[in-house]
N, C-alpha and C. Protein backbone atom coordinates (compact mmCIF):
# COMPACT_ATOMS: atom_id res chain seq x y z
N MET A 1 -42.15 28.22 127.76
CA MET A 1 -43.50 27.90 127.35
C MET A 1 -43.87 26.52 127.88
N GLU A 2 -45.01 26.44 128.54
CA GLU A 2 -45.52 25.16 129.04
C GLU A 2 -46.50 24.60 128.02
N MET A 3 -46.29 23.34 127.65
CA MET A 3 -47.12 22.70 126.62
C MET A 3 -47.46 21.28 127.03
N PHE A 4 -48.69 20.88 126.75
CA PHE A 4 -49.16 19.52 126.99
C PHE A 4 -49.72 19.00 125.67
N VAL A 5 -49.24 17.84 125.21
CA VAL A 5 -49.69 17.24 123.95
C VAL A 5 -50.17 15.82 124.25
N LYS A 6 -51.31 15.45 123.65
CA LYS A 6 -51.89 14.13 123.94
C LYS A 6 -52.60 13.58 122.71
N LYS A 7 -52.41 12.30 122.44
CA LYS A 7 -53.18 11.59 121.42
C LYS A 7 -54.39 10.99 122.13
N LEU A 8 -55.58 11.35 121.67
CA LEU A 8 -56.81 10.92 122.32
C LEU A 8 -57.08 9.44 122.08
N GLY A 9 -57.52 8.77 123.13
CA GLY A 9 -57.84 7.36 123.04
C GLY A 9 -59.33 7.13 122.80
N ASN A 10 -59.69 5.86 122.66
CA ASN A 10 -61.08 5.47 122.42
C ASN A 10 -62.01 5.95 123.54
N GLN A 11 -61.66 5.59 124.77
CA GLN A 11 -62.53 5.89 125.90
C GLN A 11 -62.68 7.40 126.08
N GLU A 12 -61.58 8.15 125.90
CA GLU A 12 -61.63 9.60 126.03
C GLU A 12 -62.59 10.22 125.00
N SER A 13 -62.75 9.56 123.88
CA SER A 13 -63.60 10.07 122.80
C SER A 13 -65.00 9.47 122.81
N GLY A 14 -65.38 8.83 123.93
CA GLY A 14 -66.74 8.36 124.12
C GLY A 14 -67.08 7.03 123.50
N TYR A 15 -66.07 6.28 123.06
CA TYR A 15 -66.34 4.99 122.43
C TYR A 15 -66.47 3.88 123.46
N SER A 16 -67.35 2.92 123.16
CA SER A 16 -67.43 1.67 123.87
C SER A 16 -67.26 0.61 122.78
N GLY A 17 -66.12 -0.04 122.77
CA GLY A 17 -65.79 -0.90 121.63
C GLY A 17 -65.58 0.00 120.43
N ASP A 18 -66.31 -0.23 119.36
CA ASP A 18 -66.24 0.63 118.19
C ASP A 18 -67.46 1.53 118.04
N LYS A 19 -68.31 1.58 119.07
CA LYS A 19 -69.50 2.41 119.02
C LYS A 19 -69.20 3.80 119.59
N PRO A 20 -69.36 4.86 118.77
CA PRO A 20 -69.12 6.22 119.27
C PRO A 20 -70.28 6.73 120.13
N ASP A 21 -70.02 7.80 120.85
CA ASP A 21 -71.03 8.52 121.65
C ASP A 21 -71.71 7.65 122.70
N GLN A 22 -70.95 6.76 123.31
CA GLN A 22 -71.49 5.90 124.37
C GLN A 22 -71.18 6.44 125.76
N ARG A 23 -70.22 7.35 125.84
CA ARG A 23 -69.77 7.91 127.13
C ARG A 23 -69.46 9.39 126.96
N GLY A 24 -69.20 10.04 128.09
CA GLY A 24 -68.78 11.43 128.04
C GLY A 24 -67.37 11.55 127.47
N LYS A 25 -67.08 12.69 126.86
CA LYS A 25 -65.79 12.90 126.22
C LYS A 25 -64.92 13.78 127.11
N TYR A 26 -63.65 13.44 127.19
CA TYR A 26 -62.73 14.15 128.07
C TYR A 26 -61.31 13.99 127.55
N ILE A 27 -60.39 14.67 128.20
CA ILE A 27 -58.96 14.52 127.93
C ILE A 27 -58.31 14.18 129.26
N LEU A 28 -57.81 12.97 129.39
CA LEU A 28 -57.15 12.54 130.62
C LEU A 28 -55.78 13.21 130.71
N ILE A 29 -55.50 13.80 131.87
CA ILE A 29 -54.23 14.48 132.08
C ILE A 29 -53.36 13.59 132.98
N PRO A 30 -52.29 12.99 132.43
CA PRO A 30 -51.40 12.16 133.26
C PRO A 30 -50.78 12.99 134.38
N ASN A 31 -50.53 12.36 135.52
CA ASN A 31 -50.09 13.15 136.68
C ASN A 31 -48.76 13.87 136.48
N GLY A 32 -47.92 13.44 135.57
CA GLY A 32 -46.69 14.16 135.28
C GLY A 32 -46.93 15.52 134.63
N PHE A 33 -48.16 15.76 134.17
CA PHE A 33 -48.50 17.02 133.51
C PHE A 33 -49.45 17.89 134.33
N TRP A 34 -49.82 17.45 135.53
CA TRP A 34 -50.72 18.23 136.37
C TRP A 34 -50.16 19.62 136.64
N LYS A 35 -48.84 19.74 136.67
CA LYS A 35 -48.20 21.03 136.98
C LYS A 35 -48.47 22.08 135.90
N HIS A 36 -48.89 21.66 134.71
CA HIS A 36 -49.19 22.58 133.61
C HIS A 36 -50.60 23.14 133.69
N PHE A 37 -51.39 22.66 134.64
CA PHE A 37 -52.77 23.07 134.79
C PHE A 37 -52.97 23.66 136.18
N PRO A 38 -54.09 24.36 136.41
CA PRO A 38 -54.31 24.96 137.74
C PRO A 38 -54.30 23.91 138.85
N PRO A 39 -53.84 24.31 140.02
CA PRO A 39 -53.82 23.37 141.15
C PRO A 39 -55.24 23.01 141.59
N LEU A 40 -55.40 21.76 141.98
CA LEU A 40 -56.68 21.28 142.51
C LEU A 40 -56.41 20.61 143.86
N SER A 41 -57.39 20.62 144.72
CA SER A 41 -57.23 20.19 146.11
C SER A 41 -57.48 18.70 146.33
N THR A 42 -56.70 18.13 147.25
CA THR A 42 -56.95 16.76 147.71
C THR A 42 -57.88 16.76 148.92
N THR A 43 -58.20 17.94 149.47
CA THR A 43 -59.07 18.01 150.65
C THR A 43 -60.51 18.37 150.31
N LEU A 44 -60.78 18.69 149.04
CA LEU A 44 -62.13 18.98 148.56
C LEU A 44 -62.51 17.90 147.57
N LEU A 45 -63.56 17.15 147.88
CA LEU A 45 -63.97 16.04 147.02
C LEU A 45 -64.30 16.53 145.61
N ASN A 46 -63.66 15.92 144.62
CA ASN A 46 -63.90 16.22 143.21
C ASN A 46 -63.76 17.71 142.89
N ASP A 47 -62.67 18.29 143.35
CA ASP A 47 -62.39 19.70 143.09
C ASP A 47 -62.35 19.93 141.58
N GLN A 48 -62.71 21.14 141.16
CA GLN A 48 -62.72 21.47 139.75
C GLN A 48 -62.59 22.97 139.55
N VAL A 49 -62.17 23.34 138.34
CA VAL A 49 -62.04 24.75 137.99
C VAL A 49 -62.30 24.87 136.49
N ALA A 50 -62.83 26.01 136.09
CA ALA A 50 -63.01 26.27 134.66
C ALA A 50 -61.71 26.82 134.09
N ILE A 51 -61.31 26.29 132.94
CA ILE A 51 -60.15 26.85 132.25
C ILE A 51 -60.64 27.47 130.95
N ARG A 52 -59.97 28.54 130.54
CA ARG A 52 -60.33 29.25 129.31
C ARG A 52 -59.43 28.76 128.19
N CYS A 53 -60.04 28.37 127.08
CA CYS A 53 -59.29 27.81 125.96
C CYS A 53 -59.53 28.64 124.70
N VAL A 54 -58.43 29.13 124.12
CA VAL A 54 -58.49 29.89 122.88
C VAL A 54 -58.29 28.91 121.74
N LEU A 55 -59.27 28.85 120.84
CA LEU A 55 -59.23 27.91 119.73
C LEU A 55 -58.50 28.52 118.53
N THR A 56 -58.26 27.71 117.52
CA THR A 56 -57.49 28.15 116.35
C THR A 56 -58.17 29.30 115.60
N ASP A 57 -59.49 29.42 115.71
CA ASP A 57 -60.20 30.52 115.03
C ASP A 57 -60.29 31.77 115.90
N GLY A 58 -59.65 31.74 117.09
CA GLY A 58 -59.64 32.88 117.98
C GLY A 58 -60.77 32.90 119.00
N LYS A 59 -61.77 32.03 118.82
CA LYS A 59 -62.87 31.96 119.79
C LYS A 59 -62.35 31.38 121.10
N GLU A 60 -62.98 31.80 122.17
CA GLU A 60 -62.58 31.32 123.50
C GLU A 60 -63.74 30.55 124.12
N VAL A 61 -63.44 29.37 124.65
CA VAL A 61 -64.45 28.54 125.31
C VAL A 61 -63.95 28.16 126.70
N GLY A 62 -64.88 27.92 127.59
CA GLY A 62 -64.54 27.44 128.92
C GLY A 62 -64.72 25.93 128.99
N LEU A 63 -63.76 25.25 129.59
CA LEU A 63 -63.85 23.81 129.79
C LEU A 63 -63.65 23.51 131.27
N ASN A 64 -64.23 22.42 131.73
CA ASN A 64 -64.14 22.02 133.13
C ASN A 64 -62.92 21.13 133.34
N TYR A 65 -62.00 21.56 134.19
CA TYR A 65 -60.84 20.76 134.60
C TYR A 65 -61.21 20.15 135.95
N TYR A 66 -61.29 18.83 136.03
CA TYR A 66 -61.93 18.11 137.13
C TYR A 66 -60.95 17.11 137.75
N TYR A 67 -60.93 17.06 139.06
CA TYR A 67 -60.08 16.12 139.79
C TYR A 67 -60.95 15.05 140.44
N ASN A 68 -60.91 13.84 139.90
CA ASN A 68 -61.61 12.71 140.50
C ASN A 68 -60.67 12.15 141.57
N ASN A 69 -60.83 12.63 142.79
CA ASN A 69 -59.88 12.34 143.86
C ASN A 69 -60.45 11.48 144.99
N ALA A 70 -61.29 10.53 144.65
CA ALA A 70 -61.94 9.66 145.65
C ALA A 70 -60.92 8.92 146.52
N LYS A 71 -59.72 8.75 146.03
CA LYS A 71 -58.66 8.09 146.80
C LYS A 71 -58.48 8.72 148.19
N PHE A 72 -58.71 10.02 148.27
CA PHE A 72 -58.51 10.75 149.52
C PHE A 72 -59.75 10.77 150.40
N PHE A 73 -60.82 10.08 149.98
CA PHE A 73 -62.08 10.06 150.72
C PHE A 73 -62.61 8.63 150.85
N PRO A 74 -61.83 7.70 151.44
CA PRO A 74 -62.26 6.30 151.51
C PRO A 74 -63.52 6.10 152.34
N GLN A 75 -63.81 7.00 153.26
CA GLN A 75 -65.03 6.90 154.06
C GLN A 75 -66.28 7.21 153.25
N ILE A 76 -66.12 7.90 152.12
CA ILE A 76 -67.26 8.28 151.27
C ILE A 76 -67.32 7.43 150.00
N LYS A 77 -66.16 7.24 149.38
CA LYS A 77 -66.09 6.56 148.08
C LYS A 77 -65.32 5.25 148.20
N LYS A 78 -65.80 4.22 147.55
CA LYS A 78 -65.15 2.91 147.62
C LYS A 78 -64.02 2.78 146.59
N ARG A 79 -64.17 3.42 145.44
CA ARG A 79 -63.14 3.32 144.40
C ARG A 79 -62.08 4.39 144.63
N ALA A 80 -60.83 4.00 144.54
CA ALA A 80 -59.71 4.89 144.86
C ALA A 80 -59.21 5.66 143.64
N HIS A 81 -60.10 6.40 142.99
CA HIS A 81 -59.71 7.19 141.83
C HIS A 81 -58.76 8.32 142.22
N ASN A 82 -57.83 8.60 141.33
CA ASN A 82 -56.89 9.70 141.51
C ASN A 82 -56.48 10.16 140.12
N GLU A 83 -57.41 10.83 139.42
CA GLU A 83 -57.13 11.26 138.05
C GLU A 83 -57.76 12.61 137.77
N ARG A 84 -57.14 13.31 136.82
CA ARG A 84 -57.63 14.62 136.42
C ARG A 84 -57.99 14.58 134.94
N ARG A 85 -59.07 15.28 134.63
CA ARG A 85 -59.59 15.30 133.26
C ARG A 85 -60.02 16.71 132.88
N VAL A 86 -59.90 17.01 131.60
CA VAL A 86 -60.53 18.19 131.03
C VAL A 86 -61.72 17.66 130.24
N TYR A 87 -62.92 18.07 130.63
CA TYR A 87 -64.11 17.60 129.94
C TYR A 87 -64.33 18.42 128.67
N ARG A 88 -64.55 17.72 127.58
CA ARG A 88 -64.72 18.34 126.27
C ARG A 88 -66.15 18.82 126.07
N SER A 89 -66.29 19.80 125.20
CA SER A 89 -67.61 20.31 124.83
C SER A 89 -67.82 20.10 123.33
N LYS A 90 -69.07 20.21 122.89
CA LYS A 90 -69.35 20.10 121.46
C LYS A 90 -68.63 21.20 120.68
N THR A 91 -68.48 22.36 121.29
CA THR A 91 -67.81 23.48 120.62
C THR A 91 -66.36 23.13 120.31
N ILE A 92 -65.63 22.65 121.30
CA ILE A 92 -64.21 22.34 121.07
C ILE A 92 -64.06 21.11 120.18
N ASP A 93 -64.93 20.13 120.34
CA ASP A 93 -64.87 18.94 119.48
C ASP A 93 -65.08 19.32 118.01
N GLY A 94 -66.06 20.19 117.76
CA GLY A 94 -66.33 20.61 116.39
C GLY A 94 -65.24 21.48 115.81
N ALA A 95 -64.77 22.45 116.58
CA ALA A 95 -63.75 23.39 116.09
C ALA A 95 -62.44 22.70 115.79
N LEU A 96 -62.08 21.70 116.61
CA LEU A 96 -60.79 21.02 116.45
C LEU A 96 -60.92 19.63 115.83
N GLU A 97 -62.16 19.25 115.50
CA GLU A 97 -62.44 17.92 114.94
C GLU A 97 -61.84 16.82 115.80
N LEU A 98 -62.08 16.92 117.11
CA LEU A 98 -61.54 15.95 118.06
C LEU A 98 -62.28 14.63 117.97
N ASP A 99 -61.53 13.56 118.00
CA ASP A 99 -62.06 12.20 118.01
C ASP A 99 -60.89 11.31 118.45
N ARG A 100 -61.13 10.03 118.53
CA ARG A 100 -60.04 9.12 118.91
C ARG A 100 -58.90 9.23 117.89
N TYR A 101 -57.70 9.07 118.39
CA TYR A 101 -56.45 9.10 117.62
C TYR A 101 -56.05 10.50 117.15
N VAL A 102 -56.80 11.52 117.49
CA VAL A 102 -56.43 12.90 117.14
C VAL A 102 -55.50 13.43 118.23
N ILE A 103 -54.51 14.19 117.80
CA ILE A 103 -53.57 14.80 118.75
C ILE A 103 -54.07 16.19 119.12
N VAL A 104 -54.13 16.47 120.41
CA VAL A 104 -54.56 17.77 120.91
C VAL A 104 -53.42 18.36 121.74
N ALA A 105 -53.26 19.69 121.65
CA ALA A 105 -52.19 20.36 122.39
C ALA A 105 -52.75 21.55 123.15
N PHE A 106 -52.22 21.76 124.35
CA PHE A 106 -52.55 22.91 125.20
C PHE A 106 -51.26 23.67 125.45
N ILE A 107 -51.25 24.96 125.14
CA ILE A 107 -50.12 25.83 125.48
C ILE A 107 -50.63 26.81 126.53
N LYS A 108 -49.94 26.84 127.65
CA LYS A 108 -50.37 27.71 128.75
C LYS A 108 -50.06 29.17 128.41
N LEU A 109 -51.10 30.00 128.44
CA LEU A 109 -50.94 31.43 128.17
C LEU A 109 -50.87 32.23 129.47
N SER A 110 -51.67 31.82 130.45
CA SER A 110 -51.67 32.42 131.78
C SER A 110 -52.21 31.37 132.74
N ASN A 111 -52.51 31.76 133.96
CA ASN A 111 -52.88 30.79 134.99
C ASN A 111 -53.98 29.81 134.61
N GLU A 112 -55.07 30.28 134.05
CA GLU A 112 -56.18 29.38 133.70
C GLU A 112 -56.61 29.59 132.25
N ARG A 113 -55.67 29.99 131.39
CA ARG A 113 -55.97 30.27 129.99
C ARG A 113 -54.96 29.56 129.10
N TYR A 114 -55.47 28.88 128.06
CA TYR A 114 -54.64 28.04 127.21
C TYR A 114 -55.00 28.25 125.74
N SER A 115 -54.00 28.13 124.89
CA SER A 115 -54.24 28.02 123.46
C SER A 115 -54.36 26.52 123.18
N VAL A 116 -55.43 26.13 122.50
CA VAL A 116 -55.67 24.70 122.27
C VAL A 116 -55.82 24.47 120.77
N PHE A 117 -55.08 23.47 120.27
CA PHE A 117 -55.17 23.14 118.84
C PHE A 117 -54.93 21.67 118.65
């Protein structure tokens, strides 16, 4: 079983200082865990794929798994980003009560489908 567990930080939960809802919400995937998620390309700028997430109530939602890979495009982008994120939705935030300091887990069920709690 492949599993990814993460404690959400301030920035991932949209905080600027102690003010909520100042930025977009996401889950940063450290590069040691990229293998647990679908492959994304270094030759396509900002490659992305939808992943299917089964929530604790059995509902299934789609989330965007995004590769900010500007590092591989210095002629286009000045900042050398090389990070992957799963962008959160209001549905998953509400169902799992996601916020800063909350632990979220993804269990891989198939290629692009995960149980998330």
